[in-house]
Amino acid sequence: MIPNQISRMHVDMALGYIDFNGVRPKRESDRWVLIKESSTYPPKYVISLACSFAIRQELDPDVFGAREANNYLTNLGYIVREKHAGEMWTTR
């Protein structure tokens, strides 16, 4: 379950972290992408990182699902869509 303390500010911090550090191995998404401006990000990884900014503990990806992550991010105003075949990550 995703903690409700995660705000849009925490998600933006997670996106900035990914822009600077990239996506950790094995944290890519096979099916979904979060889109912000011209960049794409793996939604579950974004939520895990955002949690570390919100409550100082990265959220284990095994305790929540992709649908929950996608809905949470959509409710915060982000765009999440299915990943196109062969699409690569495009962070800044």
PDB file of N, CA and C in Angstrom:
ATOM      1  N   MET A   1       0.836  -1.182   0.000  1.00  0.00           N
ATOM      2  CA  MET A   1       0.000   0.000   0.000  1.00  0.00           C
ATOM      3  C   MET A   1       0.888   1.256   0.000  1.00  0.00           C
ATOM      4  N   ILE A   2       0.498   2.218  -0.789  1.00  0.00           N
ATOM      5  CA  ILE A   2       1.253   3.459  -0.914  1.00  0.00           C
ATOM      6  C   ILE A   2       0.844   4.417   0.207  1.00  0.00           C
ATOM      7  N   PRO A   3       1.810   4.933   0.963  1.00  0.00           N
ATOM      8  CA  PRO A   3       1.476   5.886   2.025  1.00  0.00           C
ATOM      9  C   PRO A   3       0.871   7.167   1.450  1.00  0.00           C
ATOM     10  N   ASN A   4      -0.169   7.668   2.095  1.00  0.00           N
ATOM     11  CA  ASN A   4      -0.839   8.862   1.567  1.00  0.00           C
ATOM     12  C   ASN A   4      -0.056  10.146   1.819  1.00  0.00           C
ATOM     13  N   GLN A   5       1.104  10.060   2.464  1.00  0.00           N
ATOM     14  CA  GLN A   5       1.944  11.248   2.686  1.00  0.00           C
ATOM     15  C   GLN A   5       2.665  11.700   1.418  1.00  0.00           C
ATOM     16  N   ILE A   6       2.699  10.850   0.400  1.00  0.00           N
ATOM     17  CA  ILE A   6       3.405  11.205  -0.831  1.00  0.00           C
ATOM     18  C   ILE A   6       2.604  12.267  -1.580  1.00  0.00           C
ATOM     19  N   SER A   7       3.246  13.399  -1.809  1.00  0.00           N
ATOM     20  CA  SER A   7       2.603  14.517  -2.510  1.00  0.00           C
ATOM     21  C   SER A   7       3.248  14.713  -3.882  1.00  0.00           C
ATOM     22  N   ARG A   8       2.683  15.624  -4.616  1.00  0.00           N
ATOM     23  CA  ARG A   8       3.246  15.963  -5.931  1.00  0.00           C
ATOM     24  C   ARG A   8       4.684  16.460  -5.784  1.00  0.00           C
ATOM     25  N   MET A   9       4.968  17.198  -4.716  1.00  0.00           N
ATOM     26  CA  MET A   9       6.323  17.682  -4.470  1.00  0.00           C
ATOM     27  C   MET A   9       7.298  16.506  -4.330  1.00  0.00           C
ATOM     28  N   HIS A  10       6.910  15.471  -3.621  1.00  0.00           N
ATOM     29  CA  HIS A  10       7.776  14.301  -3.438  1.00  0.00           C
ATOM     30  C   HIS A  10       7.998  13.576  -4.763  1.00  0.00           C
ATOM     31  N   VAL A  11       6.942  13.497  -5.567  1.00  0.00           N
ATOM     32  CA  VAL A  11       7.076  12.859  -6.884  1.00  0.00           C
ATOM     33  C   VAL A  11       8.025  13.674  -7.758  1.00  0.00           C
ATOM     34  N   ASP A  12       7.886  14.991  -7.738  1.00  0.00           N
ATOM     35  CA  ASP A  12       8.791  15.830  -8.532  1.00  0.00           C
ATOM     36  C   ASP A  12      10.242  15.669  -8.070  1.00  0.00           C
ATOM     37  N   MET A  13      10.445  15.517  -6.772  1.00  0.00           N
ATOM     38  CA  MET A  13      11.794  15.269  -6.262  1.00  0.00           C
ATOM     39  C   MET A  13      12.325  13.928  -6.780  1.00  0.00           C
ATOM     40  N   ALA A  14      11.463  12.919  -6.825  1.00  0.00           N
ATOM     41  CA  ALA A  14      11.860  11.606  -7.346  1.00  0.00           C
ATOM     42  C   ALA A  14      12.213  11.701  -8.830  1.00  0.00           C
ATOM     43  N   LEU A  15      11.441  12.468  -9.589  1.00  0.00           N
ATOM     44  CA  LEU A  15      11.737  12.646 -11.012  1.00  0.00           C
ATOM     45  C   LEU A  15      13.083  13.340 -11.201  1.00  0.00           C
ATOM     46  N   GLY A  16      13.360  14.328 -10.376  1.00  0.00           N
ATOM     47  CA  GLY A  16      14.656  15.004 -10.430  1.00  0.00           C
ATOM     48  C   GLY A  16      15.799  14.061 -10.091  1.00  0.00           C
ATOM     49  N   TYR A  17      15.566  13.199  -9.109  1.00  0.00           N
ATOM     50  CA  TYR A  17      16.572  12.206  -8.733  1.00  0.00           C
ATOM     51  C   TYR A  17      16.866  11.282  -9.926  1.00  0.00           C
ATOM     52  N   ILE A  18      15.812  10.831 -10.600  1.00  0.00           N
ATOM     53  CA  ILE A  18      15.997   9.950 -11.758  1.00  0.00           C
ATOM     54  C   ILE A  18      16.685  10.700 -12.899  1.00  0.00           C
ATOM     55  N   ASP A  19      16.313  11.951 -13.109  1.00  0.00           N
ATOM     56  CA  ASP A  19      16.977  12.747 -14.155  1.00  0.00           C
ATOM     57  C   ASP A  19      18.482  12.802 -13.912  1.00  0.00           C
ATOM     58  N   PHE A  20      18.884  12.914 -12.663  1.00  0.00           N
ATOM     59  CA  PHE A  20      20.300  13.039 -12.313  1.00  0.00           C
ATOM     60  C   PHE A  20      21.015  11.689 -12.256  1.00  0.00           C
ATOM     61  N   ASN A  21      20.345  10.665 -11.707  1.00  0.00           N
ATOM     62  CA  ASN A  21      20.987   9.368 -11.447  1.00  0.00           C
ATOM     63  C   ASN A  21      20.577   8.234 -12.381  1.00  0.00           C
ATOM     64  N   GLY A  22      19.535   8.433 -13.152  1.00  0.00           N
ATOM     65  CA  GLY A  22      19.035   7.373 -14.023  1.00  0.00           C
ATOM     66  C   GLY A  22      18.161   6.387 -13.262  1.00  0.00           C
ATOM     67  N   VAL A  23      17.720   5.362 -13.977  1.00  0.00           N
ATOM     68  CA  VAL A  23      16.869   4.319 -13.404  1.00  0.00           C
ATOM     69  C   VAL A  23      17.751   3.167 -12.959  1.00  0.00           C
ATOM     70  N   ARG A  24      17.591   2.766 -11.712  1.00  0.00           N
ATOM     71  CA  ARG A  24      18.369   1.644 -11.182  1.00  0.00           C
ATOM     72  C   ARG A  24      18.084   0.366 -11.969  1.00  0.00           C
ATOM     73  N   PRO A  25      19.080  -0.499 -12.139  1.00  0.00           N
ATOM     74  CA  PRO A  25      18.835  -1.780 -12.806  1.00  0.00           C
ATOM     75  C   PRO A  25      17.706  -2.542 -12.112  1.00  0.00           C
ATOM     76  N   LYS A  26      16.910  -3.198 -12.898  1.00  0.00           N
ATOM     77  CA  LYS A  26      15.763  -4.012 -12.451  1.00  0.00           C
ATOM     78  C   LYS A  26      14.615  -3.173 -11.908  1.00  0.00           C
ATOM     79  N   ARG A  27      14.651  -1.858 -12.083  1.00  0.00           N
ATOM     80  CA  ARG A  27      13.544  -1.005 -11.641  1.00  0.00           C
ATOM     81  C   ARG A  27      12.820  -0.389 -12.835  1.00  0.00           C
ATOM     82  N   GLU A  28      13.166  -0.836 -14.048  1.00  0.00           N
ATOM     83  CA  GLU A  28      12.469  -0.374 -15.229  1.00  0.00           C
ATOM     84  C   GLU A  28      11.053  -0.945 -15.216  1.00  0.00           C
ATOM     85  N   SER A  29      10.188  -0.358 -16.001  1.00  0.00           N
ATOM     86  CA  SER A  29       8.826  -0.853 -16.144  1.00  0.00           C
ATOM     87  C   SER A  29       8.698  -1.535 -17.501  1.00  0.00           C
ATOM     88  N   ASP A  30       8.035  -2.673 -17.514  1.00  0.00           N
ATOM     89  CA  ASP A  30       7.812  -3.378 -18.772  1.00  0.00           C
ATOM     90  C   ASP A  30       6.591  -2.854 -19.517  1.00  0.00           C
ATOM     91  N   ARG A  31       5.646  -2.253 -18.768  1.00  0.00           N
ATOM     92  CA  ARG A  31       4.362  -1.951 -19.386  1.00  0.00           C
ATOM     93  C   ARG A  31       3.923  -0.488 -19.317  1.00  0.00           C
ATOM     94  N   TRP A  32       4.324   0.247 -18.295  1.00  0.00           N
ATOM     95  CA  TRP A  32       3.783   1.584 -18.071  1.00  0.00           C
ATOM     96  C   TRP A  32       4.873   2.653 -18.026  1.00  0.00           C
ATOM     97  N   VAL A  33       4.521   3.884 -18.401  1.00  0.00           N
ATOM     98  CA  VAL A  33       5.420   5.027 -18.268  1.00  0.00           C
ATOM     99  C   VAL A  33       4.660   6.218 -17.715  1.00  0.00           C
ATOM    100  N   LEU A  34       5.338   6.970 -16.864  1.00  0.00           N
ATOM    101  CA  LEU A  34       4.854   8.273 -16.430  1.00  0.00           C
ATOM    102  C   LEU A  34       5.498   9.274 -17.380  1.00  0.00           C
ATOM    103  N   ILE A  35       4.717  10.214 -17.861  1.00  0.00           N
ATOM    104  CA  ILE A  35       5.228  11.217 -18.794  1.00  0.00           C
ATOM    105  C   ILE A  35       5.202  12.579 -18.118  1.00  0.00           C
ATOM    106  N   LYS A  36       6.325  13.258 -18.167  1.00  0.00           N
ATOM    107  CA  LYS A  36       6.390  14.657 -17.719  1.00  0.00           C
ATOM    108  C   LYS A  36       7.234  15.401 -18.733  1.00  0.00           C
ATOM    109  N   GLU A  37       6.601  16.399 -19.353  1.00  0.00           N
ATOM    110  CA  GLU A  37       7.210  17.133 -20.444  1.00  0.00           C
ATOM    111  C   GLU A  37       7.609  16.132 -21.519  1.00  0.00           C
ATOM    112  N   SER A  38       8.853  16.048 -21.915  1.00  0.00           N
ATOM    113  CA  SER A  38       9.243  15.099 -22.966  1.00  0.00           C
ATOM    114  C   SER A  38       9.970  13.883 -22.398  1.00  0.00           C
ATOM    115  N   SER A  39       9.887  13.686 -21.084  1.00  0.00           N
ATOM    116  CA  SER A  39      10.587  12.575 -20.435  1.00  0.00           C
ATOM    117  C   SER A  39       9.620  11.487 -19.989  1.00  0.00           C
ATOM    118  N   THR A  40      10.123  10.246 -19.915  1.00  0.00           N
ATOM    119  CA  THR A  40       9.321   9.125 -19.427  1.00  0.00           C
ATOM    120  C   THR A  40      10.047   8.461 -18.263  1.00  0.00           C
ATOM    121  N   TYR A  41       9.250   7.927 -17.339  1.00  0.00           N
ATOM    122  CA  TYR A  41       9.783   7.345 -16.101  1.00  0.00           C
ATOM    123  C   TYR A  41       8.989   6.096 -15.732  1.00  0.00           C
ATOM    124  N   PRO A  42       9.614   5.140 -15.029  1.00  0.00           N
ATOM    125  CA  PRO A  42       8.895   3.959 -14.558  1.00  0.00           C
ATOM    126  C   PRO A  42       8.062   4.297 -13.309  1.00  0.00           C
ATOM    127  N   PRO A  43       6.747   4.209 -13.391  1.00  0.00           N
ATOM    128  CA  PRO A  43       5.876   4.661 -12.303  1.00  0.00           C
ATOM    129  C   PRO A  43       6.155   4.031 -10.936  1.00  0.00           C
ATOM    130  N   LYS A  44       6.365   2.734 -10.865  1.00  0.00           N
ATOM    131  CA  LYS A  44       6.586   2.108  -9.558  1.00  0.00           C
ATOM    132  C   LYS A  44       7.897   2.588  -8.927  1.00  0.00           C
ATOM    133  N   TYR A  45       8.909   2.784  -9.729  1.00  0.00           N
ATOM    134  CA  TYR A  45      10.179   3.287  -9.204  1.00  0.00           C
ATOM    135  C   TYR A  45      10.002   4.718  -8.702  1.00  0.00           C
ATOM    136  N   VAL A  46       9.240   5.505  -9.442  1.00  0.00           N
ATOM    137  CA  VAL A  46       8.968   6.877  -9.031  1.00  0.00           C
ATOM    138  C   VAL A  46       8.284   6.893  -7.662  1.00  0.00           C
ATOM    139  N   ILE A  47       7.277   6.042  -7.486  1.00  0.00           N
ATOM    140  CA  ILE A  47       6.568   5.983  -6.202  1.00  0.00           C
ATOM    141  C   ILE A  47       7.522   5.551  -5.091  1.00  0.00           C
ATOM    142  N   SER A  48       8.346   4.545  -5.337  1.00  0.00           N
ATOM    143  CA  SER A  48       9.301   4.081  -4.319  1.00  0.00           C
ATOM    144  C   SER A  48      10.228   5.204  -3.877  1.00  0.00           C
ATOM    145  N   LEU A  49      10.759   5.954  -4.847  1.00  0.00           N
ATOM    146  CA  LEU A  49      11.649   7.064  -4.528  1.00  0.00           C
ATOM    147  C   LEU A  49      10.903   8.207  -3.844  1.00  0.00           C
ATOM    148  N   ALA A  50       9.714   8.521  -4.327  1.00  0.00           N
ATOM    149  CA  ALA A  50       8.923   9.596  -3.722  1.00  0.00           C
ATOM    150  C   ALA A  50       8.652   9.289  -2.258  1.00  0.00           C
ATOM    151  N   CYS A  51       8.438   8.031  -1.954  1.00  0.00           N
ATOM    152  CA  CYS A  51       8.224   7.622  -0.568  1.00  0.00           C
ATOM    153  C   CYS A  51       9.457   7.930   0.279  1.00  0.00           C
ATOM    154  N   SER A  52      10.643   7.732  -0.292  1.00  0.00           N
ATOM    155  CA  SER A  52      11.862   8.016   0.473  1.00  0.00           C
ATOM    156  C   SER A  52      11.970   9.501   0.801  1.00  0.00           C
ATOM    157  N   PHE A  53      11.432  10.365  -0.045  1.00  0.00           N
ATOM    158  CA  PHE A  53      11.429  11.796   0.243  1.00  0.00           C
ATOM    159  C   PHE A  53      10.322  12.159   1.231  1.00  0.00           C
ATOM    160  N   ALA A  54       9.213  11.433   1.182  1.00  0.00           N
ATOM    161  CA  ALA A  54       8.070  11.748   2.050  1.00  0.00           C
ATOM    162  C   ALA A  54       8.263  11.240   3.473  1.00  0.00           C
ATOM    163  N   ILE A  55       8.711   9.977   3.615  1.00  0.00           N
ATOM    164  CA  ILE A  55       8.807   9.398   4.963  1.00  0.00           C
ATOM    165  C   ILE A  55      10.198   8.837   5.262  1.00  0.00           C
ATOM    166  N   ARG A  56      11.149   9.169   4.412  1.00  0.00           N
ATOM    167  CA  ARG A  56      12.555   8.792   4.612  1.00  0.00           C
ATOM    168  C   ARG A  56      12.804   7.284   4.553  1.00  0.00           C
ATOM    169  N   GLN A  57      11.954   6.576   3.815  1.00  0.00           N
ATOM    170  CA  GLN A  57      12.153   5.138   3.607  1.00  0.00           C
ATOM    171  C   GLN A  57      11.619   4.777   2.231  1.00  0.00           C
ATOM    172  N   GLU A  58      12.492   4.224   1.395  1.00  0.00           N
ATOM    173  CA  GLU A  58      12.059   3.821   0.060  1.00  0.00           C
ATOM    174  C   GLU A  58      11.038   2.690   0.178  1.00  0.00           C
ATOM    175  N   LEU A  59       9.987   2.778  -0.591  1.00  0.00           N
ATOM    176  CA  LEU A  59       8.918   1.791  -0.549  1.00  0.00           C
ATOM    177  C   LEU A  59       9.303   0.564  -1.361  1.00  0.00           C
ATOM    178  N   ASP A  60       9.210  -0.594  -0.750  1.00  0.00           N
ATOM    179  CA  ASP A  60       9.511  -1.861  -1.411  1.00  0.00           C
ATOM    180  C   ASP A  60       8.503  -2.073  -2.541  1.00  0.00           C
ATOM    181  N   PRO A  61       8.975  -2.333  -3.763  1.00  0.00           N
ATOM    182  CA  PRO A  61       8.052  -2.484  -4.891  1.00  0.00           C
ATOM    183  C   PRO A  61       7.147  -3.713  -4.780  1.00  0.00           C
ATOM    184  N   ASP A  62       7.451  -4.622  -3.873  1.00  0.00           N
ATOM    185  CA  ASP A  62       6.615  -5.807  -3.714  1.00  0.00           C
ATOM    186  C   ASP A  62       5.372  -5.553  -2.859  1.00  0.00           C
ATOM    187  N   VAL A  63       5.282  -4.384  -2.208  1.00  0.00           N
ATOM    188  CA  VAL A  63       4.137  -4.127  -1.329  1.00  0.00           C
ATOM    189  C   VAL A  63       3.025  -3.320  -2.009  1.00  0.00           C
ATOM    190  N   PHE A  64       3.213  -2.979  -3.298  1.00  0.00           N
ATOM    191  CA  PHE A  64       2.162  -2.291  -4.043  1.00  0.00           C
ATOM    192  C   PHE A  64       2.277  -2.671  -5.514  1.00  0.00           C
ATOM    193  N   GLY A  65       1.175  -2.535  -6.219  1.00  0.00           N
ATOM    194  CA  GLY A  65       1.138  -2.946  -7.616  1.00  0.00           C
ATOM    195  C   GLY A  65       1.198  -1.778  -8.589  1.00  0.00           C
ATOM    196  N   ALA A  66       1.370  -2.116  -9.854  1.00  0.00           N
ATOM    197  CA  ALA A  66       1.447  -1.101 -10.903  1.00  0.00           C
ATOM    198  C   ALA A  66       0.154  -0.306 -10.997  1.00  0.00           C
ATOM    199  N   ARG A  67      -0.981  -0.978 -10.895  1.00  0.00           N
ATOM    200  CA  ARG A  67      -2.263  -0.277 -10.998  1.00  0.00           C
ATOM    201  C   ARG A  67      -2.401   0.759  -9.875  1.00  0.00           C
ATOM    202  N   GLU A  68      -2.007   0.364  -8.646  1.00  0.00           N
ATOM    203  CA  GLU A  68      -2.073   1.295  -7.522  1.00  0.00           C
ATOM    204  C   GLU A  68      -1.156   2.497  -7.760  1.00  0.00           C
ATOM    205  N   ALA A  69       0.063   2.233  -8.244  1.00  0.00           N
ATOM    206  CA  ALA A  69       1.007   3.323  -8.534  1.00  0.00           C
ATOM    207  C   ALA A  69       0.456   4.240  -9.618  1.00  0.00           C
ATOM    208  N   ASN A  70      -0.051   3.654 -10.678  1.00  0.00           N
ATOM    209  CA  ASN A  70      -0.584   4.448 -11.784  1.00  0.00           C
ATOM    210  C   ASN A  70      -1.749   5.319 -11.332  1.00  0.00           C
ATOM    211  N   ASN A  71      -2.660   4.739 -10.551  1.00  0.00           N
ATOM    212  CA  ASN A  71      -3.813   5.501 -10.056  1.00  0.00           C
ATOM    213  C   ASN A  71      -3.361   6.630  -9.130  1.00  0.00           C
ATOM    214  N   TYR A  72      -2.409   6.347  -8.267  1.00  0.00           N
ATOM    215  CA  TYR A  72      -1.909   7.357  -7.332  1.00  0.00           C
ATOM    216  C   TYR A  72      -1.319   8.537  -8.105  1.00  0.00           C
ATOM    217  N   LEU A  73      -0.480   8.223  -9.082  1.00  0.00           N
ATOM    218  CA  LEU A  73       0.160   9.274  -9.876  1.00  0.00           C
ATOM    219  C   LEU A  73      -0.856  10.050 -10.710  1.00  0.00           C
ATOM    220  N   THR A  74      -1.820   9.357 -11.268  1.00  0.00           N
ATOM    221  CA  THR A  74      -2.871  10.012 -12.048  1.00  0.00           C
ATOM    222  C   THR A  74      -3.681  10.953 -11.159  1.00  0.00           C
ATOM    223  N   ASN A  75      -3.982  10.511  -9.949  1.00  0.00           N
ATOM    224  CA  ASN A  75      -4.729  11.358  -9.010  1.00  0.00           C
ATOM    225  C   ASN A  75      -3.943  12.608  -8.608  1.00  0.00           C
ATOM    226  N   LEU A  76      -2.620  12.545  -8.692  1.00  0.00           N
ATOM    227  CA  LEU A  76      -1.784  13.719  -8.420  1.00  0.00           C
ATOM    228  C   LEU A  76      -1.647  14.623  -9.646  1.00  0.00           C
ATOM    229  N   GLY A  77      -2.219  14.199 -10.777  1.00  0.00           N
ATOM    230  CA  GLY A  77      -2.203  15.030 -11.979  1.00  0.00           C
ATOM    231  C   GLY A  77      -1.184  14.644 -13.027  1.00  0.00           C
ATOM    232  N   TYR A  78      -0.505  13.521 -12.847  1.00  0.00           N
ATOM    233  CA  TYR A  78       0.486  13.070 -13.826  1.00  0.00           C
ATOM    234  C   TYR A  78      -0.191  12.228 -14.912  1.00  0.00           C
ATOM    235  N   ILE A  79       0.482  12.118 -16.031  1.00  0.00           N
ATOM    236  CA  ILE A  79       0.007  11.282 -17.133  1.00  0.00           C
ATOM    237  C   ILE A  79       0.767   9.968 -17.077  1.00  0.00           C
ATOM    238  N   VAL A  80       0.019   8.861 -17.050  1.00  0.00           N
ATOM    239  CA  VAL A  80       0.602   7.521 -17.096  1.00  0.00           C
ATOM    240  C   VAL A  80      -0.067   6.804 -18.257  1.00  0.00           C
ATOM    241  N   ARG A  81       0.738   6.180 -19.092  1.00  0.00           N
ATOM    242  CA  ARG A  81       0.192   5.447 -20.242  1.00  0.00           C
ATOM    243  C   ARG A  81       0.977   4.164 -20.446  1.00  0.00           C
ATOM    244  N   GLU A  82       0.423   3.309 -21.321  1.00  0.00           N
ATOM    245  CA  GLU A  82       1.142   2.079 -21.653  1.00  0.00           C
ATOM    246  C   GLU A  82       2.389   2.420 -22.455  1.00  0.00           C
ATOM    247  N   LYS A  83       3.424   1.670 -22.182  1.00  0.00           N
ATOM    248  CA  LYS A  83       4.699   1.848 -22.868  1.00  0.00           C
ATOM    249  C   LYS A  83       4.581   1.259 -24.272  1.00  0.00           C
ATOM    250  N   HIS A  84       5.118   1.949 -25.246  1.00  0.00           N
ATOM    251  CA  HIS A  84       5.114   1.452 -26.626  1.00  0.00           C
ATOM    252  C   HIS A  84       6.183   0.372 -26.785  1.00  0.00           C
ATOM    253  N   ALA A  85       5.963  -0.566 -27.663  1.00  0.00           N
ATOM    254  CA  ALA A  85       6.928  -1.630 -27.916  1.00  0.00           C
ATOM    255  C   ALA A  85       8.280  -1.028 -28.291  1.00  0.00           C
ATOM    256  N   GLY A  86       9.323  -1.448 -27.608  1.00  0.00           N
ATOM    257  CA  GLY A  86      10.682  -0.991 -27.899  1.00  0.00           C
ATOM    258  C   GLY A  86      11.008   0.402 -27.386  1.00  0.00           C
ATOM    259  N   GLU A  87      10.081   1.040 -26.683  1.00  0.00           N
ATOM    260  CA  GLU A  87      10.318   2.387 -26.172  1.00  0.00           C
ATOM    261  C   GLU A  87      11.382   2.380 -25.090  1.00  0.00           C
ATOM    262  N   MET A  88      12.304   3.300 -25.183  1.00  0.00           N
ATOM    263  CA  MET A  88      13.376   3.432 -24.202  1.00  0.00           C
ATOM    264  C   MET A  88      13.053   4.591 -23.266  1.00  0.00           C
ATOM    265  N   TRP A  89      13.734   4.628 -22.107  1.00  0.00           N
ATOM    266  CA  TRP A  89      13.524   5.731 -21.171  1.00  0.00           C
ATOM    267  C   TRP A  89      14.123   6.987 -21.742  1.00  0.00           C
ATOM    268  N   THR A  90      13.404   8.095 -21.563  1.00  0.00           N
ATOM    269  CA  THR A  90      13.902   9.377 -22.041  1.00  0.00           C
ATOM    270  C   THR A  90      13.824  10.374 -20.904  1.00  0.00           C
ATOM    271  N   THR A  91      14.829  10.375 -20.058  1.00  0.00           N
ATOM    272  CA  THR A  91      14.900  11.392 -19.014  1.00  0.00           C
ATOM    273  C   THR A  91      15.792  12.509 -19.506  1.00  0.00           C
ATOM    274  N   ARG A  92      15.717  13.624 -18.853  1.00  0.00           N
ATOM    275  CA  ARG A  92      16.486  14.795 -19.273  1.00  0.00           C
ATOM    276  C   ARG A  92      17.956  14.571 -19.236  1.00  0.00           C
TER     277      ARG A  92
END
